[in-house]
mmCIF file of all heavy atoms, coordinates in Angstrom:
data_MODEL
# 
_entry.id   MODEL 
# 
loop_
_atom_site.group_PDB 
_atom_site.id 
_atom_site.type_symbol 
_atom_site.label_atom_id 
_atom_site.label_alt_id 
_atom_site.label_comp_id 
_atom_site.label_asym_id 
_atom_site.label_entity_id 
_atom_site.label_seq_id 
_atom_site.pdbx_PDB_ins_code 
_atom_site.Cartn_x 
_atom_site.Cartn_y 
_atom_site.Cartn_z 
_atom_site.occupancy 
_atom_site.B_iso_or_equiv 
_atom_site.pdbx_formal_charge 
_atom_site.auth_seq_id 
_atom_site.auth_comp_id 
_atom_site.auth_asym_id 
_atom_site.auth_atom_id 
_atom_site.pdbx_PDB_model_num 
ATOM 1   N N   . VAL A 1 1  ? 1.240  -15.331 -31.761 1.00 0.00 ? 1  VAL A N   1 
ATOM 2   C CA  . VAL A 1 1  ? 2.546  -15.774 -32.237 1.00 0.00 ? 1  VAL A CA  1 
ATOM 3   C C   . VAL A 1 1  ? 3.623  -14.814 -31.704 1.00 0.00 ? 1  VAL A C   1 
ATOM 4   O O   . VAL A 1 1  ? 4.803  -15.109 -31.879 1.00 0.00 ? 1  VAL A O   1 
ATOM 5   C CB  . VAL A 1 1  ? 2.596  -15.827 -33.777 1.00 0.00 ? 1  VAL A CB  1 
ATOM 6   C CG1 . VAL A 1 1  ? 1.804  -16.979 -34.306 1.00 0.00 ? 1  VAL A CG1 1 
ATOM 7   C CG2 . VAL A 1 1  ? 2.101  -14.507 -34.398 1.00 0.00 ? 1  VAL A CG2 1 
ATOM 8   N N   . ARG A 1 2  ? 3.288  -13.731 -31.108 1.00 0.00 ? 2  ARG A N   1 
ATOM 9   C CA  . ARG A 1 2  ? 4.267  -12.813 -30.488 1.00 0.00 ? 2  ARG A CA  1 
ATOM 10  C C   . ARG A 1 2  ? 4.827  -13.300 -29.181 1.00 0.00 ? 2  ARG A C   1 
ATOM 11  O O   . ARG A 1 2  ? 5.719  -12.698 -28.622 1.00 0.00 ? 2  ARG A O   1 
ATOM 12  C CB  . ARG A 1 2  ? 3.654  -11.434 -30.292 1.00 0.00 ? 2  ARG A CB  1 
ATOM 13  C CG  . ARG A 1 2  ? 3.159  -10.752 -31.545 1.00 0.00 ? 2  ARG A CG  1 
ATOM 14  C CD  . ARG A 1 2  ? 2.677  -9.351  -31.279 1.00 0.00 ? 2  ARG A CD  1 
ATOM 15  N NE  . ARG A 1 2  ? 1.960  -8.771  -32.411 1.00 0.00 ? 2  ARG A NE  1 
ATOM 16  C CZ  . ARG A 1 2  ? 1.681  -7.454  -32.522 1.00 0.00 ? 2  ARG A CZ  1 
ATOM 17  N NH1 . ARG A 1 2  ? 2.060  -6.639  -31.599 1.00 0.00 ? 2  ARG A NH1 1 
ATOM 18  N NH2 . ARG A 1 2  ? 1.023  -7.041  -33.584 1.00 0.00 ? 2  ARG A NH2 1 
ATOM 19  N N   . ARG A 1 3  ? 4.208  -14.404 -28.671 1.00 0.00 ? 3  ARG A N   1 
ATOM 20  C CA  . ARG A 1 3  ? 4.658  -14.909 -27.345 1.00 0.00 ? 3  ARG A CA  1 
ATOM 21  C C   . ARG A 1 3  ? 5.952  -15.664 -27.451 1.00 0.00 ? 3  ARG A C   1 
ATOM 22  O O   . ARG A 1 3  ? 6.102  -16.558 -28.235 1.00 0.00 ? 3  ARG A O   1 
ATOM 23  C CB  . ARG A 1 3  ? 3.583  -15.798 -26.753 1.00 0.00 ? 3  ARG A CB  1 
ATOM 24  C CG  . ARG A 1 3  ? 2.288  -15.123 -26.313 1.00 0.00 ? 3  ARG A CG  1 
ATOM 25  C CD  . ARG A 1 3  ? 1.290  -16.209 -25.941 1.00 0.00 ? 3  ARG A CD  1 
ATOM 26  N NE  . ARG A 1 3  ? 0.107  -15.633 -25.263 1.00 0.00 ? 3  ARG A NE  1 
ATOM 27  C CZ  . ARG A 1 3  ? -0.974 -16.383 -24.933 1.00 0.00 ? 3  ARG A CZ  1 
ATOM 28  N NH1 . ARG A 1 3  ? -0.992 -17.678 -25.274 1.00 0.00 ? 3  ARG A NH1 1 
ATOM 29  N NH2 . ARG A 1 3  ? -1.999 -15.855 -24.305 1.00 0.00 ? 3  ARG A NH2 1 
ATOM 30  N N   . TRP A 1 4  ? 6.825  -15.375 -26.493 1.00 0.00 ? 4  TRP A N   1 
ATOM 31  C CA  . TRP A 1 4  ? 8.037  -16.194 -26.240 1.00 0.00 ? 4  TRP A CA  1 
ATOM 32  C C   . TRP A 1 4  ? 7.558  -17.357 -25.413 1.00 0.00 ? 4  TRP A C   1 
ATOM 33  O O   . TRP A 1 4  ? 6.690  -17.225 -24.523 1.00 0.00 ? 4  TRP A O   1 
ATOM 34  C CB  . TRP A 1 4  ? 9.063  -15.348 -25.523 1.00 0.00 ? 4  TRP A CB  1 
ATOM 35  C CG  . TRP A 1 4  ? 10.519 -15.891 -25.568 1.00 0.00 ? 4  TRP A CG  1 
ATOM 36  C CD1 . TRP A 1 4  ? 11.109 -16.402 -26.637 1.00 0.00 ? 4  TRP A CD1 1 
ATOM 37  C CD2 . TRP A 1 4  ? 11.427 -15.888 -24.473 1.00 0.00 ? 4  TRP A CD2 1 
ATOM 38  N NE1 . TRP A 1 4  ? 12.428 -16.749 -26.292 1.00 0.00 ? 4  TRP A NE1 1 
ATOM 39  C CE2 . TRP A 1 4  ? 12.652 -16.459 -24.993 1.00 0.00 ? 4  TRP A CE2 1 
ATOM 40  C CE3 . TRP A 1 4  ? 11.372 -15.513 -23.150 1.00 0.00 ? 4  TRP A CE3 1 
ATOM 41  C CZ2 . TRP A 1 4  ? 13.767 -16.651 -24.195 1.00 0.00 ? 4  TRP A CZ2 1 
ATOM 42  C CZ3 . TRP A 1 4  ? 12.522 -15.655 -22.371 1.00 0.00 ? 4  TRP A CZ3 1 
ATOM 43  C CH2 . TRP A 1 4  ? 13.704 -16.259 -22.871 1.00 0.00 ? 4  TRP A CH2 1 
ATOM 44  N N   . PRO A 1 5  ? 8.113  -18.586 -25.573 1.00 0.00 ? 5  PRO A N   1 
ATOM 45  C CA  . PRO A 1 5  ? 7.628  -19.755 -24.828 1.00 0.00 ? 5  PRO A CA  1 
ATOM 46  C C   . PRO A 1 5  ? 7.658  -19.567 -23.338 1.00 0.00 ? 5  PRO A C   1 
ATOM 47  O O   . PRO A 1 5  ? 8.597  -19.029 -22.800 1.00 0.00 ? 5  PRO A O   1 
ATOM 48  C CB  . PRO A 1 5  ? 8.534  -20.871 -25.320 1.00 0.00 ? 5  PRO A CB  1 
ATOM 49  C CG  . PRO A 1 5  ? 9.003  -20.428 -26.629 1.00 0.00 ? 5  PRO A CG  1 
ATOM 50  C CD  . PRO A 1 5  ? 9.142  -18.942 -26.548 1.00 0.00 ? 5  PRO A CD  1 
ATOM 51  N N   . LEU A 1 6  ? 6.651  -20.098 -22.625 1.00 0.00 ? 6  LEU A N   1 
ATOM 52  C CA  . LEU A 1 6  ? 6.637  -19.978 -21.165 1.00 0.00 ? 6  LEU A CA  1 
ATOM 53  C C   . LEU A 1 6  ? 7.805  -20.715 -20.562 1.00 0.00 ? 6  LEU A C   1 
ATOM 54  O O   . LEU A 1 6  ? 8.360  -20.281 -19.529 1.00 0.00 ? 6  LEU A O   1 
ATOM 55  C CB  . LEU A 1 6  ? 5.318  -20.561 -20.619 1.00 0.00 ? 6  LEU A CB  1 
ATOM 56  C CG  . LEU A 1 6  ? 4.046  -19.705 -20.766 1.00 0.00 ? 6  LEU A CG  1 
ATOM 57  C CD1 . LEU A 1 6  ? 2.858  -20.403 -20.123 1.00 0.00 ? 6  LEU A CD1 1 
ATOM 58  C CD2 . LEU A 1 6  ? 4.235  -18.303 -20.190 1.00 0.00 ? 6  LEU A CD2 1 
ATOM 59  N N   . THR A 1 7  ? 8.222  -21.820 -21.152 1.00 0.00 ? 7  THR A N   1 
ATOM 60  C CA  . THR A 1 7  ? 9.358  -22.542 -20.574 1.00 0.00 ? 7  THR A CA  1 
ATOM 61  C C   . THR A 1 7  ? 10.596 -21.694 -20.637 1.00 0.00 ? 7  THR A C   1 
ATOM 62  O O   . THR A 1 7  ? 11.456 -21.781 -19.755 1.00 0.00 ? 7  THR A O   1 
ATOM 63  C CB  . THR A 1 7  ? 9.595  -23.872 -21.407 1.00 0.00 ? 7  THR A CB  1 
ATOM 64  O OG1 . THR A 1 7  ? 9.651  -23.560 -22.821 1.00 0.00 ? 7  THR A OG1 1 
ATOM 65  C CG2 . THR A 1 7  ? 8.438  -24.838 -21.177 1.00 0.00 ? 7  THR A CG2 1 
ATOM 66  N N   . SER A 1 8  ? 10.731 -20.881 -21.703 1.00 0.00 ? 8  SER A N   1 
ATOM 67  C CA  . SER A 1 8  ? 11.946 -19.967 -21.808 1.00 0.00 ? 8  SER A CA  1 
ATOM 68  C C   . SER A 1 8  ? 11.867 -18.886 -20.743 1.00 0.00 ? 8  SER A C   1 
ATOM 69  O O   . SER A 1 8  ? 12.878 -18.572 -20.152 1.00 0.00 ? 8  SER A O   1 
ATOM 70  C CB  . SER A 1 8  ? 11.992 -19.400 -23.198 1.00 0.00 ? 8  SER A CB  1 
ATOM 71  O OG  . SER A 1 8  ? 12.143 -20.401 -24.171 1.00 0.00 ? 8  SER A OG  1 
ATOM 72  N N   . TYR A 1 9  ? 10.652 -18.369 -20.521 1.00 0.00 ? 9  TYR A N   1 
ATOM 73  C CA  . TYR A 1 9  ? 10.510 -17.353 -19.470 1.00 0.00 ? 9  TYR A CA  1 
ATOM 74  C C   . TYR A 1 9  ? 10.843 -17.982 -18.101 1.00 0.00 ? 9  TYR A C   1 
ATOM 75  O O   . TYR A 1 9  ? 11.581 -17.349 -17.298 1.00 0.00 ? 9  TYR A O   1 
ATOM 76  C CB  . TYR A 1 9  ? 9.075  -16.843 -19.437 1.00 0.00 ? 9  TYR A CB  1 
ATOM 77  C CG  . TYR A 1 9  ? 8.824  -15.633 -20.314 1.00 0.00 ? 9  TYR A CG  1 
ATOM 78  C CD1 . TYR A 1 9  ? 7.985  -15.761 -21.403 1.00 0.00 ? 9  TYR A CD1 1 
ATOM 79  C CD2 . TYR A 1 9  ? 9.401  -14.422 -20.059 1.00 0.00 ? 9  TYR A CD2 1 
ATOM 80  C CE1 . TYR A 1 9  ? 7.761  -14.690 -22.237 1.00 0.00 ? 9  TYR A CE1 1 
ATOM 81  C CE2 . TYR A 1 9  ? 9.179  -13.287 -20.866 1.00 0.00 ? 9  TYR A CE2 1 
ATOM 82  C CZ  . TYR A 1 9  ? 8.326  -13.433 -21.983 1.00 0.00 ? 9  TYR A CZ  1 
ATOM 83  O OH  . TYR A 1 9  ? 8.071  -12.366 -22.768 1.00 0.00 ? 9  TYR A OH  1 
ATOM 84  N N   . ALA A 1 10 ? 10.401 -19.156 -17.863 1.00 0.00 ? 10 ALA A N   1 
ATOM 85  C CA  . ALA A 1 10 ? 10.618 -19.825 -16.536 1.00 0.00 ? 10 ALA A CA  1 
ATOM 86  C C   . ALA A 1 10 ? 12.132 -20.030 -16.324 1.00 0.00 ? 10 ALA A C   1 
ATOM 87  O O   . ALA A 1 10 ? 12.627 -19.779 -15.210 1.00 0.00 ? 10 ALA A O   1 
ATOM 88  C CB  . ALA A 1 10 ? 9.849  -21.148 -16.529 1.00 0.00 ? 10 ALA A CB  1 
ATOM 89  N N   . GLU A 1 11 ? 12.833 -20.536 -17.297 1.00 0.00 ? 11 GLU A N   1 
ATOM 90  C CA  . GLU A 1 11 ? 14.242 -20.785 -17.181 1.00 0.00 ? 11 GLU A CA  1 
ATOM 91  C C   . GLU A 1 11 ? 14.990 -19.461 -16.993 1.00 0.00 ? 11 GLU A C   1 
ATOM 92  O O   . GLU A 1 11 ? 15.931 -19.353 -16.178 1.00 0.00 ? 11 GLU A O   1 
ATOM 93  C CB  . GLU A 1 11 ? 14.777 -21.531 -18.361 1.00 0.00 ? 11 GLU A CB  1 
ATOM 94  C CG  . GLU A 1 11 ? 16.262 -21.937 -18.187 1.00 0.00 ? 11 GLU A CG  1 
ATOM 95  C CD  . GLU A 1 11 ? 16.745 -22.840 -19.296 1.00 0.00 ? 11 GLU A CD  1 
ATOM 96  O OE1 . GLU A 1 11 ? 15.931 -23.492 -20.002 1.00 0.00 ? 11 GLU A OE1 1 
ATOM 97  O OE2 . GLU A 1 11 ? 18.017 -22.992 -19.399 1.00 0.00 ? 11 GLU A OE2 1 
ATOM 98  N N   . THR A 1 12 ? 14.569 -18.437 -17.696 1.00 0.00 ? 12 THR A N   1 
ATOM 99  C CA  . THR A 1 12 ? 15.206 -17.110 -17.568 1.00 0.00 ? 12 THR A CA  1 
ATOM 100 C C   . THR A 1 12 ? 15.041 -16.595 -16.175 1.00 0.00 ? 12 THR A C   1 
ATOM 101 O O   . THR A 1 12 ? 16.015 -16.114 -15.528 1.00 0.00 ? 12 THR A O   1 
ATOM 102 C CB  . THR A 1 12 ? 14.603 -16.120 -18.572 1.00 0.00 ? 12 THR A CB  1 
ATOM 103 O OG1 . THR A 1 12 ? 14.865 -16.597 -19.894 1.00 0.00 ? 12 THR A OG1 1 
ATOM 104 C CG2 . THR A 1 12 ? 15.185 -14.733 -18.404 1.00 0.00 ? 12 THR A CG2 1 
ATOM 105 N N   . ILE A 1 13 ? 13.843 -16.662 -15.651 1.00 0.00 ? 13 ILE A N   1 
ATOM 106 C CA  . ILE A 1 13 ? 13.566 -16.171 -14.268 1.00 0.00 ? 13 ILE A CA  1 
ATOM 107 C C   . ILE A 1 13 ? 14.385 -16.927 -13.270 1.00 0.00 ? 13 ILE A C   1 
ATOM 108 O O   . ILE A 1 13 ? 14.996 -16.371 -12.328 1.00 0.00 ? 13 ILE A O   1 
ATOM 109 C CB  . ILE A 1 13 ? 12.058 -16.263 -13.975 1.00 0.00 ? 13 ILE A CB  1 
ATOM 110 C CG1 . ILE A 1 13 ? 11.246 -15.274 -14.807 1.00 0.00 ? 13 ILE A CG1 1 
ATOM 111 C CG2 . ILE A 1 13 ? 11.761 -16.052 -12.471 1.00 0.00 ? 13 ILE A CG2 1 
ATOM 112 C CD1 . ILE A 1 13 ? 9.781  -15.459 -14.727 1.00 0.00 ? 13 ILE A CD1 1 
ATOM 113 N N   . SER A 1 14 ? 14.480 -18.285 -13.422 1.00 0.00 ? 14 SER A N   1 
ATOM 114 C CA  . SER A 1 14 ? 15.254 -19.082 -12.477 1.00 0.00 ? 14 SER A CA  1 
ATOM 115 C C   . SER A 1 14 ? 16.694 -18.719 -12.457 1.00 0.00 ? 14 SER A C   1 
ATOM 116 O O   . SER A 1 14 ? 17.313 -18.616 -11.414 1.00 0.00 ? 14 SER A O   1 
ATOM 117 C CB  . SER A 1 14 ? 15.052 -20.573 -12.814 1.00 0.00 ? 14 SER A CB  1 
ATOM 118 O OG  . SER A 1 14 ? 13.678 -20.989 -12.720 1.00 0.00 ? 14 SER A OG  1 
ATOM 119 N N   . VAL A 1 15 ? 17.260 -18.509 -13.665 1.00 0.00 ? 15 VAL A N   1 
ATOM 120 C CA  . VAL A 1 15 ? 18.693 -18.150 -13.724 1.00 0.00 ? 15 VAL A CA  1 
ATOM 121 C C   . VAL A 1 15 ? 18.933 -16.763 -13.114 1.00 0.00 ? 15 VAL A C   1 
ATOM 122 O O   . VAL A 1 15 ? 19.866 -16.557 -12.368 1.00 0.00 ? 15 VAL A O   1 
ATOM 123 C CB  . VAL A 1 15 ? 19.167 -18.153 -15.210 1.00 0.00 ? 15 VAL A CB  1 
ATOM 124 C CG1 . VAL A 1 15 ? 20.560 -17.582 -15.313 1.00 0.00 ? 15 VAL A CG1 1 
ATOM 125 C CG2 . VAL A 1 15 ? 19.096 -19.560 -15.766 1.00 0.00 ? 15 VAL A CG2 1 
ATOM 126 N N   . LEU A 1 16 ? 18.030 -15.787 -13.407 1.00 0.00 ? 16 LEU A N   1 
ATOM 127 C CA  . LEU A 1 16 ? 18.205 -14.460 -12.878 1.00 0.00 ? 16 LEU A CA  1 
ATOM 128 C C   . LEU A 1 16 ? 18.074 -14.399 -11.369 1.00 0.00 ? 16 LEU A C   1 
ATOM 129 O O   . LEU A 1 16 ? 18.785 -13.653 -10.704 1.00 0.00 ? 16 LEU A O   1 
ATOM 130 C CB  . LEU A 1 16 ? 17.182 -13.504 -13.512 1.00 0.00 ? 16 LEU A CB  1 
ATOM 131 C CG  . LEU A 1 16 ? 17.446 -13.162 -14.972 1.00 0.00 ? 16 LEU A CG  1 
ATOM 132 C CD1 . LEU A 1 16 ? 16.231 -12.394 -15.538 1.00 0.00 ? 16 LEU A CD1 1 
ATOM 133 C CD2 . LEU A 1 16 ? 18.703 -12.273 -15.103 1.00 0.00 ? 16 LEU A CD2 1 
ATOM 134 N N   . LEU A 1 17 ? 17.145 -15.278 -10.815 1.00 0.00 ? 17 LEU A N   1 
ATOM 135 C CA  . LEU A 1 17 ? 17.017 -15.308 -9.362  1.00 0.00 ? 17 LEU A CA  1 
ATOM 136 C C   . LEU A 1 17 ? 18.300 -15.820 -8.714  1.00 0.00 ? 17 LEU A C   1 
ATOM 137 O O   . LEU A 1 17 ? 18.689 -15.419 -7.622  1.00 0.00 ? 17 LEU A O   1 
ATOM 138 C CB  . LEU A 1 17 ? 15.834 -16.207 -8.991  1.00 0.00 ? 17 LEU A CB  1 
ATOM 139 C CG  . LEU A 1 17 ? 14.467 -15.610 -9.212  1.00 0.00 ? 17 LEU A CG  1 
ATOM 140 C CD1 . LEU A 1 17 ? 13.382 -16.673 -9.005  1.00 0.00 ? 17 LEU A CD1 1 
ATOM 141 C CD2 . LEU A 1 17 ? 14.220 -14.441 -8.256  1.00 0.00 ? 17 LEU A CD2 1 
ATOM 142 N N   . GLY A 1 18 ? 19.009 -16.757 -9.424  1.00 0.00 ? 18 GLY A N   1 
ATOM 143 C CA  . GLY A 1 18 ? 20.227 -17.288 -8.893  1.00 0.00 ? 18 GLY A CA  1 
ATOM 144 C C   . GLY A 1 18 ? 21.391 -16.288 -9.046  1.00 0.00 ? 18 GLY A C   1 
ATOM 145 O O   . GLY A 1 18 ? 22.335 -16.363 -8.237  1.00 0.00 ? 18 GLY A O   1 
ATOM 146 N N   . GLN A 1 19 ? 21.336 -15.412 -10.030 1.00 0.00 ? 19 GLN A N   1 
ATOM 147 C CA  . GLN A 1 19 ? 22.416 -14.511 -10.289 1.00 0.00 ? 19 GLN A CA  1 
ATOM 148 C C   . GLN A 1 19 ? 22.273 -13.186 -9.589  1.00 0.00 ? 19 GLN A C   1 
ATOM 149 O O   . GLN A 1 19 ? 23.300 -12.543 -9.303  1.00 0.00 ? 19 GLN A O   1 
ATOM 150 C CB  . GLN A 1 19 ? 22.509 -14.234 -11.808 1.00 0.00 ? 19 GLN A CB  1 
ATOM 151 C CG  . GLN A 1 19 ? 22.965 -15.388 -12.672 1.00 0.00 ? 19 GLN A CG  1 
ATOM 152 C CD  . GLN A 1 19 ? 23.056 -15.037 -14.136 1.00 0.00 ? 19 GLN A CD  1 
ATOM 153 O OE1 . GLN A 1 19 ? 22.590 -13.960 -14.553 1.00 0.00 ? 19 GLN A OE1 1 
ATOM 154 N NE2 . GLN A 1 19 ? 23.620 -15.891 -14.924 1.00 0.00 ? 19 GLN A NE2 1 
ATOM 155 N N   . THR A 1 20 ? 21.060 -12.774 -9.277  1.00 0.00 ? 20 THR A N   1 
ATOM 156 C CA  . THR A 1 20 ? 20.817 -11.438 -8.813  1.00 0.00 ? 20 THR A CA  1 
ATOM 157 C C   . THR A 1 20 ? 20.390 -11.411 -7.364  1.00 0.00 ? 20 THR A C   1 
ATOM 158 O O   . THR A 1 20 ? 19.309 -11.908 -7.022  1.00 0.00 ? 20 THR A O   1 
ATOM 159 C CB  . THR A 1 20 ? 19.736 -10.705 -9.686  1.00 0.00 ? 20 THR A CB  1 
ATOM 160 O OG1 . THR A 1 20 ? 20.049 -10.875 -11.052 1.00 0.00 ? 20 THR A OG1 1 
ATOM 161 C CG2 . THR A 1 20 ? 19.646 -9.236  -9.334  1.00 0.00 ? 20 THR A CG2 1 
ATOM 162 N N   . PRO A 1 21 ? 21.179 -10.859 -6.447  1.00 0.00 ? 21 PRO A N   1 
ATOM 163 C CA  . PRO A 1 21 ? 20.817 -10.781 -5.065  1.00 0.00 ? 21 PRO A CA  1 
ATOM 164 C C   . PRO A 1 21 ? 19.541 -9.915  -4.903  1.00 0.00 ? 21 PRO A C   1 
ATOM 165 O O   . PRO A 1 21 ? 19.361 -8.936  -5.583  1.00 0.00 ? 21 PRO A O   1 
ATOM 166 C CB  . PRO A 1 21 ? 22.016 -10.171 -4.354  1.00 0.00 ? 21 PRO A CB  1 
ATOM 167 C CG  . PRO A 1 21 ? 23.154 -10.349 -5.378  1.00 0.00 ? 21 PRO A CG  1 
ATOM 168 C CD  . PRO A 1 21 ? 22.537 -10.335 -6.719  1.00 0.00 ? 21 PRO A CD  1 
ATOM 169 N N   . ARG A 1 22 ? 18.705 -10.347 -4.001  1.00 0.00 ? 22 ARG A N   1 
ATOM 170 C CA  . ARG A 1 22 ? 17.487 -9.573  -3.596  1.00 0.00 ? 22 ARG A CA  1 
ATOM 171 C C   . ARG A 1 22 ? 16.618 -9.264  -4.774  1.00 0.00 ? 22 ARG A C   1 
ATOM 172 O O   . ARG A 1 22 ? 16.032 -8.156  -4.878  1.00 0.00 ? 22 ARG A O   1 
ATOM 173 C CB  . ARG A 1 22 ? 17.902 -8.296  -2.886  1.00 0.00 ? 22 ARG A CB  1 
ATOM 174 C CG  . ARG A 1 22 ? 18.793 -8.487  -1.659  1.00 0.00 ? 22 ARG A CG  1 
ATOM 175 C CD  . ARG A 1 22 ? 19.009 -7.211  -0.906  1.00 0.00 ? 22 ARG A CD  1 
ATOM 176 N NE  . ARG A 1 22 ? 17.712 -6.764  -0.351  1.00 0.00 ? 22 ARG A NE  1 
ATOM 177 C CZ  . ARG A 1 22 ? 17.503 -6.521  0.951   1.00 0.00 ? 22 ARG A CZ  1 
ATOM 178 N NH1 . ARG A 1 22 ? 18.459 -6.720  1.813   1.00 0.00 ? 22 ARG A NH1 1 
ATOM 179 N NH2 . ARG A 1 22 ? 16.339 -6.082  1.345   1.00 0.00 ? 22 ARG A NH2 1 
ATOM 180 N N   . LEU A 1 23 ? 16.444 -10.196 -5.703  1.00 0.00 ? 23 LEU A N   1 
ATOM 181 C CA  . LEU A 1 23 ? 15.586 -9.980  -6.872  1.00 0.00 ? 23 LEU A CA  1 
ATOM 182 C C   . LEU A 1 23 ? 14.164 -10.430 -6.564  1.00 0.00 ? 23 LEU A C   1 
ATOM 183 O O   . LEU A 1 23 ? 13.935 -11.465 -5.972  1.00 0.00 ? 23 LEU A O   1 
ATOM 184 C CB  . LEU A 1 23 ? 16.097 -10.766 -8.075  1.00 0.00 ? 23 LEU A CB  1 
ATOM 185 C CG  . LEU A 1 23 ? 15.283 -10.614 -9.366  1.00 0.00 ? 23 LEU A CG  1 
ATOM 186 C CD1 . LEU A 1 23 ? 15.296 -9.143  -9.849  1.00 0.00 ? 23 LEU A CD1 1 
ATOM 187 C CD2 . LEU A 1 23 ? 15.803 -11.571 -10.438 1.00 0.00 ? 23 LEU A CD2 1 
ATOM 188 N N   . ARG A 1 24 ? 13.217 -9.586  -6.944  1.00 0.00 ? 24 ARG A N   1 
ATOM 189 C CA  . ARG A 1 24 ? 11.808 -9.894  -6.898  1.00 0.00 ? 24 ARG A CA  1 
ATOM 190 C C   . ARG A 1 24 ? 11.246 -9.846  -8.329  1.00 0.00 ? 24 ARG A C   1 
ATOM 191 O O   . ARG A 1 24 ? 11.597 -8.917  -9.089  1.00 0.00 ? 24 ARG A O   1 
ATOM 192 C CB  . ARG A 1 24 ? 11.052 -8.953  -5.963  1.00 0.00 ? 24 ARG A CB  1 
ATOM 193 C CG  . ARG A 1 24 ? 11.406 -9.087  -4.501  1.00 0.00 ? 24 ARG A CG  1 
ATOM 194 C CD  . ARG A 1 24 ? 10.881 -10.366 -3.950  1.00 0.00 ? 24 ARG A CD  1 
ATOM 195 N NE  . ARG A 1 24 ? 11.145 -10.505 -2.519  1.00 0.00 ? 24 ARG A NE  1 
ATOM 196 C CZ  . ARG A 1 24 ? 12.165 -11.140 -1.988  1.00 0.00 ? 24 ARG A CZ  1 
ATOM 197 N NH1 . ARG A 1 24 ? 13.092 -11.652 -2.837  1.00 0.00 ? 24 ARG A NH1 1 
ATOM 198 N NH2 . ARG A 1 24 ? 12.317 -11.267 -0.715  1.00 0.00 ? 24 ARG A NH2 1 
ATOM 199 N N   . VAL A 1 25 ? 10.370 -10.786 -8.645  1.00 0.00 ? 25 VAL A N   1 
ATOM 200 C CA  . VAL A 1 25 ? 9.862  -10.842 -10.035 1.00 0.00 ? 25 VAL A CA  1 
ATOM 201 C C   . VAL A 1 25 ? 8.326  -10.686 -9.940  1.00 0.00 ? 25 VAL A C   1 
ATOM 202 O O   . VAL A 1 25 ? 7.663  -11.495 -9.288  1.00 0.00 ? 25 VAL A O   1 
ATOM 203 C CB  . VAL A 1 25 ? 10.188 -12.181 -10.701 1.00 0.00 ? 25 VAL A CB  1 
ATOM 204 C CG1 . VAL A 1 25 ? 9.659  -12.207 -12.136 1.00 0.00 ? 25 VAL A CG1 1 
ATOM 205 C CG2 . VAL A 1 25 ? 11.724 -12.340 -10.731 1.00 0.00 ? 25 VAL A CG2 1 
ATOM 206 N N   . ALA A 1 26 ? 7.795  -9.674  -10.630 1.00 0.00 ? 26 ALA A N   1 
ATOM 207 C CA  . ALA A 1 26 ? 6.352  -9.462  -10.680 1.00 0.00 ? 26 ALA A CA  1 
ATOM 208 C C   . ALA A 1 26 ? 5.845  -9.854  -12.038 1.00 0.00 ? 26 ALA A C   1 
ATOM 209 O O   . ALA A 1 26 ? 6.224  -9.258  -13.016 1.00 0.00 ? 26 ALA A O   1 
ATOM 210 C CB  . ALA A 1 26 ? 6.050  -7.990  -10.390 1.00 0.00 ? 26 ALA A CB  1 
ATOM 211 N N   . LEU A 1 27 ? 4.954  -10.870 -12.099 1.00 0.00 ? 27 LEU A N   1 
ATOM 212 C CA  . LEU A 1 27 ? 4.347  -11.295 -13.345 1.00 0.00 ? 27 LEU A CA  1 
ATOM 213 C C   . LEU A 1 27 ? 3.087  -10.464 -13.531 1.00 0.00 ? 27 LEU A C   1 
ATOM 214 O O   . LEU A 1 27 ? 2.277  -10.357 -12.628 1.00 0.00 ? 27 LEU A O   1 
ATOM 215 C CB  . LEU A 1 27 ? 4.023  -12.775 -13.318 1.00 0.00 ? 27 LEU A CB  1 
ATOM 216 C CG  . LEU A 1 27 ? 5.157  -13.714 -12.893 1.00 0.00 ? 27 LEU A CG  1 
ATOM 217 C CD1 . LEU A 1 27 ? 4.660  -15.191 -12.834 1.00 0.00 ? 27 LEU A CD1 1 
ATOM 218 C CD2 . LEU A 1 27 ? 6.354  -13.578 -13.788 1.00 0.00 ? 27 LEU A CD2 1 
ATOM 219 N N   . ILE A 1 28 ? 2.855  -9.931  -14.729 1.00 0.00 ? 28 ILE A N   1 
ATOM 220 C CA  . ILE A 1 28 ? 1.713  -9.072  -14.970 1.00 0.00 ? 28 ILE A CA  1 
ATOM 221 C C   . ILE A 1 28 ? 0.889  -9.589  -16.133 1.00 0.00 ? 28 ILE A C   1 
ATOM 222 O O   . ILE A 1 28 ? 1.345  -10.422 -16.903 1.00 0.00 ? 28 ILE A O   1 
ATOM 223 C CB  . ILE A 1 28 ? 2.145  -7.611  -15.238 1.00 0.00 ? 28 ILE A CB  1 
ATOM 224 C CG1 . ILE A 1 28 ? 2.997  -7.532  -16.524 1.00 0.00 ? 28 ILE A CG1 1 
ATOM 225 C CG2 . ILE A 1 28 ? 2.892  -7.027  -14.062 1.00 0.00 ? 28 ILE A CG2 1 
ATOM 226 C CD1 . ILE A 1 28 ? 3.241  -6.089  -17.030 1.00 0.00 ? 28 ILE A CD1 1 
ATOM 227 N N   . GLY A 1 29 ? -0.315 -9.043  -16.249 1.00 0.00 ? 29 GLY A N   1 
ATOM 228 C CA  . GLY A 1 29 ? -1.236 -9.395  -17.335 1.00 0.00 ? 29 GLY A CA  1 
ATOM 229 C C   . GLY A 1 29 ? -2.619 -8.940  -16.933 1.00 0.00 ? 29 GLY A C   1 
ATOM 230 O O   . GLY A 1 29 ? -2.880 -8.445  -15.831 1.00 0.00 ? 29 GLY A O   1 
# 
């Protein structure tokens, strides 16, 4: 129950990629 929804993570990543030049996103686990 501590998880934030994956759909919310996906939208956040998409917005940040559009806003931040030269952004790389590393997913971990």
